[in-house]
Amino acid sequence: MKIFKFGGASVKDANGVENLISVLNKTGYDQILVIVSAMGKTTNALELVVKNYFSNKDELQYSLNEVFKFHNEIVLTLFSNNKYEIFDEINEIFNNLRGFLKRNKSPNYSFVYDQIVSQGELLSTKIVSAYLNYKNIKSNWVDSRELIKTDSNYRDANLKWDLTQKNILKKIDNKILNVTQGFIASNENNFNTTLGREGSDYSAAIYAYCLNAESVTIWKDVPGVLNADPRVFKKTQLLQEISYTEAIELAFYGASVIHPKTLQPLQKKEIPLYVKSFLDPNSDGTSISRGVKIKPEVPCFIVKRNLNLLKLSSLDFSFIVEDNISEIFQILHENKMKVDLIQNSAISFSVCIYDKYNRLKELLSILKATFKVECTEGVSLFTIRHFKENSANEILKKNQLLLEQRTNEVLQLVVR
């Protein structure tokens, strides 16, 4: 069995859905499990619904109607007969969503987030599966929430592997074309959970691992894994081959093409991962497997925006030692800060963090009780793997360097 994962950009409109069918016709669709993300920017649109639910009720109905309008227009374009059952299925999803917004009593933002944002994947897969059948390609729609089971750590749930594998082996018929969702799952109480942003790649790896799949292919709007983000860097190169280890390193530093959790389960069973373009499905793309470290061996550029650089020093100018560092990390953990870089000297400790849950103000208040704190907000972290001496020249021409750190293979620059 093979796993195909299509991201939101591949199904951003009716033409994208048509192209997905074209890709399947070119590659073949026997014994394929298709995983589909939410369409286009639907996740962002549903995040706005969540935000309005908590803080701007006047805009709530409008923001929800915009999501409905977007999907309804795609359905109207794809299906000539408006009596087709997909229209009823889309209406049912939105009616259930409106019912949840009226009935919900929970003040837990992350819980509400997962109940609402998960609808994007249900909508996209309902439409794709229905259109496949409409075009006489028989497909079986599968609800990932019934198969992938997690704990209740909403927005970044942890997988229950044994139960998930049991469910998948029991309920997936590997002889037919299946269509299911990435990113979403459920807990023991059958409430929706999600696997973290960009978690659809991880979903593909979960299914591949549990089904002992032949391969996983992630279809994207780029030729494969590039050595830099083409939206940030003018000149990029296609990486033809990458080892699991190298890909994990790139993911660790924030390469956006591959989700950090995706590679570990694939590596355990040596299931190759291909990253290909849905615009050119016959091209080779990038192969990630056991073997060649990286081909060609060129510098790889990764950038993370909107980080915060903290410089901490003791109030009495004493050394920053193990006890201090342990305390700092405990505070960062309690405030759910993601650490992207650390550097320490005798009397100071610098850390670059991502404030995912908007808790920076509370964090600074806690730290200032014990340390002298300098905070620079809105910085960028550039990571260059396999760097050369001139690799950072263009970055430093355009930005002010705040912190530099390097090893034999990796150069990291915090700039603003």
Protein backbone atom coordinates (compact mmCIF):
# COMPACT_ATOMS: atom_id res chain seq x y z
CA MET A 1 0.00 0.00 0.00
CA LYS A 2 1.13 3.56 -0.72
CA ILE A 3 0.25 6.73 1.19
CA PHE A 4 -0.38 9.98 -0.72
CA LYS A 5 -0.71 13.22 1.23
CA PHE A 6 -2.09 16.34 -0.44
CA GLY A 7 -1.65 19.66 1.37
CA GLY A 8 -4.03 22.60 1.45
CA ALA A 9 -2.37 24.33 -1.50
CA SER A 10 -3.10 21.33 -3.71
CA VAL A 11 -6.86 21.57 -3.09
CA LYS A 12 -7.24 25.33 -2.66
CA ASP A 13 -10.03 25.51 -5.26
CA ALA A 14 -12.04 23.41 -7.72
CA ASN A 15 -9.14 23.30 -10.17
CA GLY A 16 -6.96 21.90 -7.39
CA VAL A 17 -9.42 19.06 -6.78
CA GLU A 18 -9.51 18.38 -10.52
CA ASN A 19 -5.70 18.26 -10.53
CA LEU A 20 -5.68 15.82 -7.60
CA ILE A 21 -7.79 13.47 -9.74
CA SER A 22 -5.34 14.00 -12.61
CA VAL A 23 -2.40 13.07 -10.39
CA LEU A 24 -4.13 9.87 -9.30
CA ASN A 25 -4.92 8.99 -12.91
CA LYS A 26 -1.23 9.43 -13.83
CA THR A 27 0.20 7.55 -10.84
CA GLY A 28 -2.51 4.92 -10.48
CA TYR A 29 -4.76 4.59 -7.45
CA ASP A 30 -4.86 0.89 -6.62
CA GLN A 31 -4.05 0.25 -2.95
CA ILE A 32 -3.68 3.95 -2.21
CA LEU A 33 -4.59 5.83 0.95
CA VAL A 34 -5.08 9.53 0.20
CA ILE A 35 -4.68 11.98 3.08
CA VAL A 36 -6.00 15.49 2.46
CA SER A 37 -5.45 18.69 4.43
CA ALA A 38 -7.98 21.49 4.81
CA MET A 39 -8.55 23.43 1.58
CA GLY A 40 -6.39 26.48 0.93
CA LYS A 41 -6.38 28.81 3.95
CA THR A 42 -9.33 27.12 5.67
CA THR A 43 -7.38 26.41 8.85
CA ASN A 44 -6.58 30.12 9.19
CA ALA A 45 -10.22 30.99 8.50
CA LEU A 46 -11.44 28.57 11.17
CA GLU A 47 -8.86 29.93 13.61
CA LEU A 48 -10.52 33.31 13.10
CA VAL A 49 -13.86 31.69 13.94
CA VAL A 50 -12.35 30.46 17.21
CA LYS A 51 -10.92 33.89 17.96
CA ASN A 52 -14.24 35.59 17.26
CA TYR A 53 -16.09 33.04 19.40
CA PHE A 54 -14.05 34.12 22.41
CA SER A 55 -13.46 37.79 21.80
CA ASN A 56 -15.59 39.22 18.99
CA LYS A 57 -19.05 37.65 18.93
CA ASP A 58 -20.33 40.32 16.52
CA GLU A 59 -18.07 38.92 13.78
CA LEU A 60 -18.57 35.24 14.61
CA GLN A 61 -21.42 34.49 12.21
CA TYR A 62 -19.78 36.40 9.37
CA SER A 63 -16.47 34.56 9.73
CA LEU A 64 -18.24 31.20 9.80
CA ASN A 65 -20.36 32.09 6.79
CA GLU A 66 -17.19 32.97 4.84
CA VAL A 67 -15.88 29.44 5.41
CA PHE A 68 -19.21 27.98 4.26
CA LYS A 69 -19.29 30.23 1.20
CA PHE A 70 -15.75 29.20 0.21
CA HIS A 71 -16.52 25.49 0.31
CA ASN A 72 -19.97 25.82 -1.21
CA GLU A 73 -18.53 27.63 -4.24
CA ILE A 74 -16.03 24.80 -4.77
CA VAL A 75 -18.81 22.22 -4.56
CA LEU A 76 -21.05 24.17 -6.95
CA THR A 77 -18.17 24.33 -9.45
CA LEU A 78 -17.34 20.63 -9.21
CA PHE A 79 -20.81 19.11 -9.16
CA SER A 80 -23.25 20.01 -11.90
CA ASN A 81 -26.21 18.46 -10.09
CA ASN A 82 -26.97 20.41 -6.91
CA LYS A 83 -29.09 17.50 -5.68
CA TYR A 84 -25.93 15.46 -5.23
CA GLU A 85 -25.59 14.26 -1.62
CA ILE A 86 -22.33 16.14 -1.02
CA PHE A 87 -24.39 19.34 -0.62
CA ASP A 88 -26.29 17.76 2.27
CA GLU A 89 -23.05 16.51 3.84
CA ILE A 90 -21.48 19.97 3.73
CA ASN A 91 -24.61 21.52 5.23
CA GLU A 92 -24.60 18.91 7.98
CA ILE A 93 -21.00 19.73 8.96
CA PHE A 94 -21.80 23.43 9.23
CA ASN A 95 -25.05 22.79 11.12
CA ASN A 96 -23.12 20.66 13.61
CA LEU A 97 -20.51 23.40 13.91
CA ARG A 98 -23.15 26.06 14.57
CA GLY A 99 -24.75 23.75 17.13
CA PHE A 100 -21.43 23.31 18.93
CA LEU A 101 -20.87 27.08 19.07
CA LYS A 102 -24.29 27.50 20.69
CA ARG A 103 -24.06 24.58 23.15
CA ASN A 104 -20.44 24.73 24.23
CA LYS A 105 -19.81 25.71 27.86
CA SER A 106 -16.07 25.07 28.01
CA PRO A 107 -13.83 28.14 28.44
CA ASN A 108 -10.79 26.09 27.34
CA TYR A 109 -9.48 27.81 24.21
CA SER A 110 -7.46 24.81 23.02
CA PHE A 111 -10.42 22.45 23.45
CA VAL A 112 -12.71 24.73 21.43
CA TYR A 113 -9.94 25.21 18.86
CA ASP A 114 -9.70 21.48 18.17
CA GLN A 115 -13.47 21.02 17.91
CA ILE A 116 -13.75 23.83 15.35
CA VAL A 117 -10.53 23.78 13.34
CA SER A 118 -10.74 20.02 12.74
CA GLN A 119 -13.82 20.62 10.56
CA GLY A 120 -11.59 21.88 7.75
CA GLU A 121 -10.22 18.39 7.09
CA LEU A 122 -13.68 16.83 7.28
CA LEU A 123 -14.92 19.28 4.64
CA SER A 124 -12.00 18.78 2.25
CA THR A 125 -12.07 14.99 2.39
CA LYS A 126 -15.84 14.80 2.01
CA ILE A 127 -15.55 16.91 -1.15
CA VAL A 128 -12.57 15.01 -2.58
CA SER A 129 -14.07 11.58 -1.89
CA ALA A 130 -17.43 12.59 -3.34
CA TYR A 131 -15.78 14.01 -6.45
CA LEU A 132 -13.75 10.85 -6.99
CA ASN A 133 -16.97 8.84 -6.93
CA TYR A 134 -18.64 11.45 -9.13
CA LYS A 135 -15.84 10.86 -11.69
CA ASN A 136 -16.38 7.08 -11.44
CA ILE A 137 -13.28 6.45 -9.33
CA LYS A 138 -14.62 4.44 -6.42
CA SER A 139 -13.30 5.73 -3.09
CA ASN A 140 -13.98 4.97 0.54
CA TRP A 141 -14.20 7.94 2.95
CA VAL A 142 -12.54 7.18 6.31
CA ASP A 143 -12.91 9.22 9.51
CA SER A 144 -9.43 9.55 11.06
CA ARG A 145 -10.99 10.45 14.39
CA GLU A 146 -12.24 6.87 14.70
CA LEU A 147 -8.77 5.45 14.06
CA ILE A 148 -6.09 7.80 15.38
CA LYS A 149 -6.36 8.02 19.15
CA THR A 150 -4.52 10.49 21.37
CA ASP A 151 -4.42 11.96 24.85
CA SER A 152 -6.27 15.21 25.64
CA ASN A 153 -3.39 17.62 25.04
CA TYR A 154 -5.49 19.74 22.70
CA ARG A 155 -3.74 21.43 19.75
CA ASP A 156 -0.67 19.20 20.12
CA ALA A 157 -1.99 15.79 21.13
CA ASN A 158 0.23 12.80 21.87
CA LEU A 159 -0.47 9.60 20.00
CA LYS A 160 -1.60 6.35 21.60
CA TRP A 161 0.30 4.13 19.22
CA ASP A 162 -0.94 0.67 20.20
CA LEU A 163 -4.62 1.59 20.07
CA THR A 164 -4.14 3.58 16.85
CA GLN A 165 -2.39 0.71 15.11
CA LYS A 166 -5.06 -1.74 16.20
CA ASN A 167 -7.79 0.53 14.82
CA ILE A 168 -6.05 1.16 11.51
CA LEU A 169 -5.28 -2.50 10.85
CA LYS A 170 -8.85 -3.44 11.68
CA LYS A 171 -10.69 -0.79 9.68
CA ILE A 172 -8.55 0.09 6.65
CA ASP A 173 -9.18 -2.08 3.58
CA ASN A 174 -5.85 -1.91 1.77
CA LYS A 175 -7.29 -3.29 -1.47
CA ILE A 176 -9.25 -0.11 -2.31
CA LEU A 177 -8.75 3.64 -2.63
CA ASN A 178 -9.28 5.29 0.75
CA VAL A 179 -9.60 9.01 1.47
CA THR A 180 -9.03 10.36 4.96
CA GLN A 181 -7.91 13.39 6.93
CA GLY A 182 -4.54 14.50 8.15
CA PHE A 183 -3.99 16.53 11.33
CA ILE A 184 -7.05 15.33 13.25
CA ALA A 185 -7.69 12.58 15.79
CA SER A 186 -9.76 12.05 18.94
CA ASN A 187 -9.28 11.24 22.62
CA GLU A 188 -10.84 8.53 24.79
CA ASN A 189 -14.02 10.60 25.15
CA ASN A 190 -14.23 11.00 21.35
CA PHE A 191 -13.62 14.74 21.49
CA ASN A 192 -11.65 16.04 18.52
CA THR A 193 -7.92 16.53 18.99
CA THR A 194 -5.26 17.79 16.58
CA LEU A 195 -1.62 16.82 16.08
CA GLY A 196 -0.21 20.35 15.83
CA ARG A 197 -0.04 22.69 12.85
CA GLU A 198 1.26 20.93 9.73
CA GLY A 199 0.37 17.64 11.42
CA SER A 200 -1.02 16.14 8.20
CA ASP A 201 2.47 14.93 7.26
CA TYR A 202 2.62 13.20 10.62
CA SER A 203 -0.75 11.58 9.94
CA ALA A 204 0.68 10.17 6.71
CA ALA A 205 3.61 8.68 8.63
CA ILE A 206 1.26 7.20 11.25
CA TYR A 207 -0.81 5.42 8.61
CA ALA A 208 2.33 4.29 6.77
CA TYR A 209 3.86 2.83 9.91
CA CYS A 210 0.70 1.03 10.99
CA LEU A 211 0.02 -0.38 7.51
CA ASN A 212 3.66 -1.25 6.69
CA ALA A 213 3.28 0.92 3.61
CA GLU A 214 5.59 0.70 0.62
CA SER A 215 6.13 4.48 0.59
CA VAL A 216 4.76 7.89 1.49
CA THR A 217 4.48 10.69 -1.07
CA ILE A 218 3.82 14.27 0.01
CA TRP A 219 2.45 16.30 -2.90
CA LYS A 220 3.33 20.00 -2.71
CA ASP A 221 3.49 23.12 -4.87
CA VAL A 222 7.31 22.93 -5.02
CA PRO A 223 9.49 20.50 -7.04
CA GLY A 224 10.56 18.71 -3.84
CA VAL A 225 12.66 19.61 -0.82
CA LEU A 226 14.59 22.76 -1.67
CA ASN A 227 17.70 24.01 0.08
CA ALA A 228 15.86 27.23 1.00
CA ASP A 229 12.38 28.73 1.07
CA PRO A 230 11.83 30.31 -2.39
CA ARG A 231 9.60 32.94 -0.76
CA VAL A 232 12.62 34.21 1.19
CA PHE A 233 15.66 33.35 -0.96
CA LYS A 234 15.97 34.14 -4.68
CA LYS A 235 18.20 31.22 -5.65
CA THR A 236 17.21 27.74 -4.51
CA GLN A 237 18.28 24.22 -5.43
CA LEU A 238 16.39 20.94 -5.41
CA LEU A 239 17.75 18.34 -2.99
CA GLN A 240 17.45 15.09 -4.93
CA GLU A 241 18.26 12.71 -2.07
CA ILE A 242 18.35 13.14 1.71
CA SER A 243 18.96 10.58 4.43
CA TYR A 244 16.48 10.21 7.29
CA THR A 245 19.06 11.62 9.69
CA GLU A 246 19.74 14.67 7.54
CA ALA A 247 16.02 15.28 7.03
CA ILE A 248 15.43 15.05 10.80
CA GLU A 249 18.19 17.61 11.33
CA LEU A 250 16.59 19.97 8.81
CA ALA A 251 13.18 19.46 10.39
CA PHE A 252 14.61 20.10 13.86
CA TYR A 253 15.86 23.49 12.75
CA GLY A 254 12.49 24.34 11.21
CA ALA A 255 12.51 23.32 7.54
CA SER A 256 8.87 23.88 6.60
CA VAL A 257 8.62 21.18 3.95
CA ILE A 258 8.73 18.32 6.48
CA HIS A 259 6.95 18.12 9.84
CA PRO A 260 9.41 17.29 12.66
CA LYS A 261 7.38 14.29 13.87
CA THR A 262 6.97 12.75 10.43
CA LEU A 263 10.32 11.09 9.95
CA GLN A 264 10.83 8.99 13.09
CA PRO A 265 8.12 6.37 12.41
CA LEU A 266 9.18 6.12 8.76
CA GLN A 267 12.81 5.62 9.73
CA LYS A 268 11.94 2.81 12.15
CA LYS A 269 10.52 0.72 9.31
CA GLU A 270 12.70 2.24 6.57
CA ILE A 271 9.67 3.45 4.61
CA PRO A 272 10.88 5.91 1.94
CA LEU A 273 9.34 9.37 1.81
CA TYR A 274 9.01 11.21 -1.49
CA VAL A 275 8.28 14.92 -1.81
CA LYS A 276 6.92 15.74 -5.26
CA SER A 277 5.13 18.50 -7.13
CA PHE A 278 1.43 18.04 -7.81
CA LEU A 279 2.00 20.40 -10.76
CA ASP A 280 4.51 17.96 -12.31
CA PRO A 281 3.75 14.49 -10.93
CA ASN A 282 6.12 12.71 -13.31
CA SER A 283 9.20 14.54 -12.02
CA ASP A 284 11.55 12.77 -9.59
CA GLY A 285 11.19 15.21 -6.68
CA THR A 286 13.11 14.41 -3.51
CA SER A 287 13.70 10.98 -2.03
CA ILE A 288 14.21 10.64 1.73
CA SER A 289 15.46 7.24 2.77
CA ARG A 290 18.34 5.36 4.27
CA GLY A 291 21.53 6.04 2.33
CA VAL A 292 22.99 9.20 0.77
CA LYS A 293 23.35 11.96 3.38
CA ILE A 294 22.42 14.81 1.05
CA LYS A 295 22.66 15.23 -2.73
CA PRO A 296 23.83 17.68 -3.88
CA GLU A 297 25.75 18.80 -0.80
CA VAL A 298 24.93 22.52 -0.72
CA PRO A 299 24.18 24.97 2.12
CA CYS A 300 20.60 24.66 3.39
CA PHE A 301 18.91 27.85 4.64
CA ILE A 302 16.09 27.85 7.20
CA VAL A 303 14.44 30.94 8.67
CA LYS A 304 12.09 31.37 11.62
CA ARG A 305 10.31 34.71 12.07
CA ASN A 306 8.61 36.45 14.98
CA LEU A 307 10.81 35.01 17.73
CA ASN A 308 11.91 36.72 20.93
CA LEU A 309 15.50 36.95 22.15
CA LEU A 310 15.93 36.99 25.92
CA LYS A 311 19.20 37.81 27.64
CA LEU A 312 19.19 36.91 31.33
CA SER A 313 21.81 37.74 33.93
CA SER A 314 21.88 37.43 37.70
CA LEU A 315 20.87 40.46 39.75
CA ASP A 316 24.06 40.26 41.83
CA PHE A 317 26.42 39.56 38.89
CA SER A 318 27.11 36.03 40.11
CA PHE A 319 27.71 33.18 37.68
CA ILE A 320 24.84 31.62 35.75
CA VAL A 321 25.25 27.97 36.73
CA GLU A 322 23.32 24.71 36.57
CA ASP A 323 20.73 25.68 39.19
CA ASN A 324 19.94 28.93 37.36
CA ILE A 325 19.67 27.23 33.97
CA SER A 326 17.44 24.52 35.40
CA GLU A 327 15.15 27.17 36.89
CA ILE A 328 15.01 29.08 33.60
CA PHE A 329 14.02 25.99 31.62
CA GLN A 330 11.39 25.09 34.18
CA ILE A 331 9.82 28.54 33.81
CA LEU A 332 9.98 28.31 30.00
CA HIS A 333 8.31 24.90 30.13
CA GLU A 334 5.55 26.07 32.46
CA ASN A 335 4.81 28.97 30.12
CA LYS A 336 4.82 26.72 27.02
CA MET A 337 7.67 28.52 25.28
CA LYS A 338 9.43 26.73 22.42
CA VAL A 339 13.20 27.14 22.67
CA ASP A 340 14.98 27.54 19.34
CA LEU A 341 18.50 28.51 20.44
CA ILE A 342 20.47 28.89 23.67
CA GLN A 343 23.82 30.45 24.45
CA ASN A 344 25.44 31.11 27.81
CA SER A 345 28.51 32.78 29.22
CA ALA A 346 29.77 33.09 32.79
CA ILE A 347 27.25 35.74 33.84
CA SER A 348 24.52 35.65 31.16
CA PHE A 349 22.17 33.25 29.46
CA SER A 350 20.56 34.01 26.09
CA VAL A 351 17.62 32.12 24.69
CA CYS A 352 15.59 32.54 21.50
CA ILE A 353 11.96 31.51 22.01
CA TYR A 354 8.71 31.18 20.10
CA ASP A 355 5.70 32.51 22.02
CA LYS A 356 3.02 30.23 20.54
CA TYR A 357 0.41 30.95 23.21
CA ASN A 358 1.01 34.71 23.67
CA ARG A 359 2.38 34.40 27.20
CA LEU A 360 5.49 36.54 26.82
CA LYS A 361 4.28 39.26 29.19
CA GLU A 362 3.62 36.76 31.99
CA LEU A 363 6.96 35.04 31.32
CA LEU A 364 8.92 38.28 31.59
CA SER A 365 7.17 39.18 34.82
CA ILE A 366 8.19 35.85 36.37
CA LEU A 367 11.79 36.01 35.14
CA LYS A 368 12.31 39.58 36.36
CA ALA A 369 11.70 38.45 39.93
CA THR A 370 14.97 36.51 39.79
CA PHE A 371 17.02 37.81 36.85
CA LYS A 372 17.92 40.96 35.02
CA VAL A 373 16.08 40.54 31.72
CA GLU A 374 16.62 42.11 28.30
CA CYS A 375 14.03 41.18 25.68
CA THR A 376 14.18 41.87 21.95
CA GLU A 377 10.89 41.02 20.29
CA GLY A 378 10.23 40.15 16.66
CA VAL A 379 13.66 38.75 15.79
CA SER A 380 14.45 36.23 13.05
CA LEU A 381 16.59 33.12 13.37
CA PHE A 382 18.51 32.02 10.28
CA THR A 383 20.00 28.53 10.37
CA ILE A 384 22.49 27.52 7.66
CA ARG A 385 23.33 23.82 7.56
CA HIS A 386 26.50 22.81 5.61
CA PHE A 387 27.46 26.48 5.55
CA LYS A 388 30.38 27.98 3.68
CA GLU A 389 32.31 31.08 4.64
CA ASN A 390 30.26 33.37 2.39
CA SER A 391 26.89 31.72 3.07
CA ALA A 392 25.71 34.43 5.48
CA ASN A 393 26.80 37.46 3.45
CA GLU A 394 23.39 38.34 2.00
CA ILE A 395 21.63 37.85 5.33
CA LEU A 396 24.05 40.11 7.20
CA LYS A 397 23.84 42.81 4.51
CA LYS A 398 20.11 43.21 5.12
CA ASN A 399 19.86 42.63 8.87
CA GLN A 400 21.43 43.62 12.18
CA LEU A 401 23.23 40.71 13.85
CA LEU A 402 22.23 40.18 17.50
CA LEU A 403 23.70 36.74 18.21
CA GLU A 404 25.79 34.19 16.33
CA GLN A 405 26.42 30.53 17.07
CA ARG A 406 28.24 27.93 14.99
CA THR A 407 29.37 24.31 14.96
CA ASN A 408 31.27 22.44 12.25
CA GLU A 409 28.14 22.07 10.13
CA VAL A 410 25.63 24.62 11.41
CA LEU A 411 25.68 28.42 11.55
CA GLN A 412 22.85 30.20 13.36
CA LEU A 413 22.23 33.94 13.26
CA VAL A 414 19.68 35.89 15.30
CA VAL A 415 18.96 39.15 13.49
CA ARG A 416 16.47 41.99 13.30
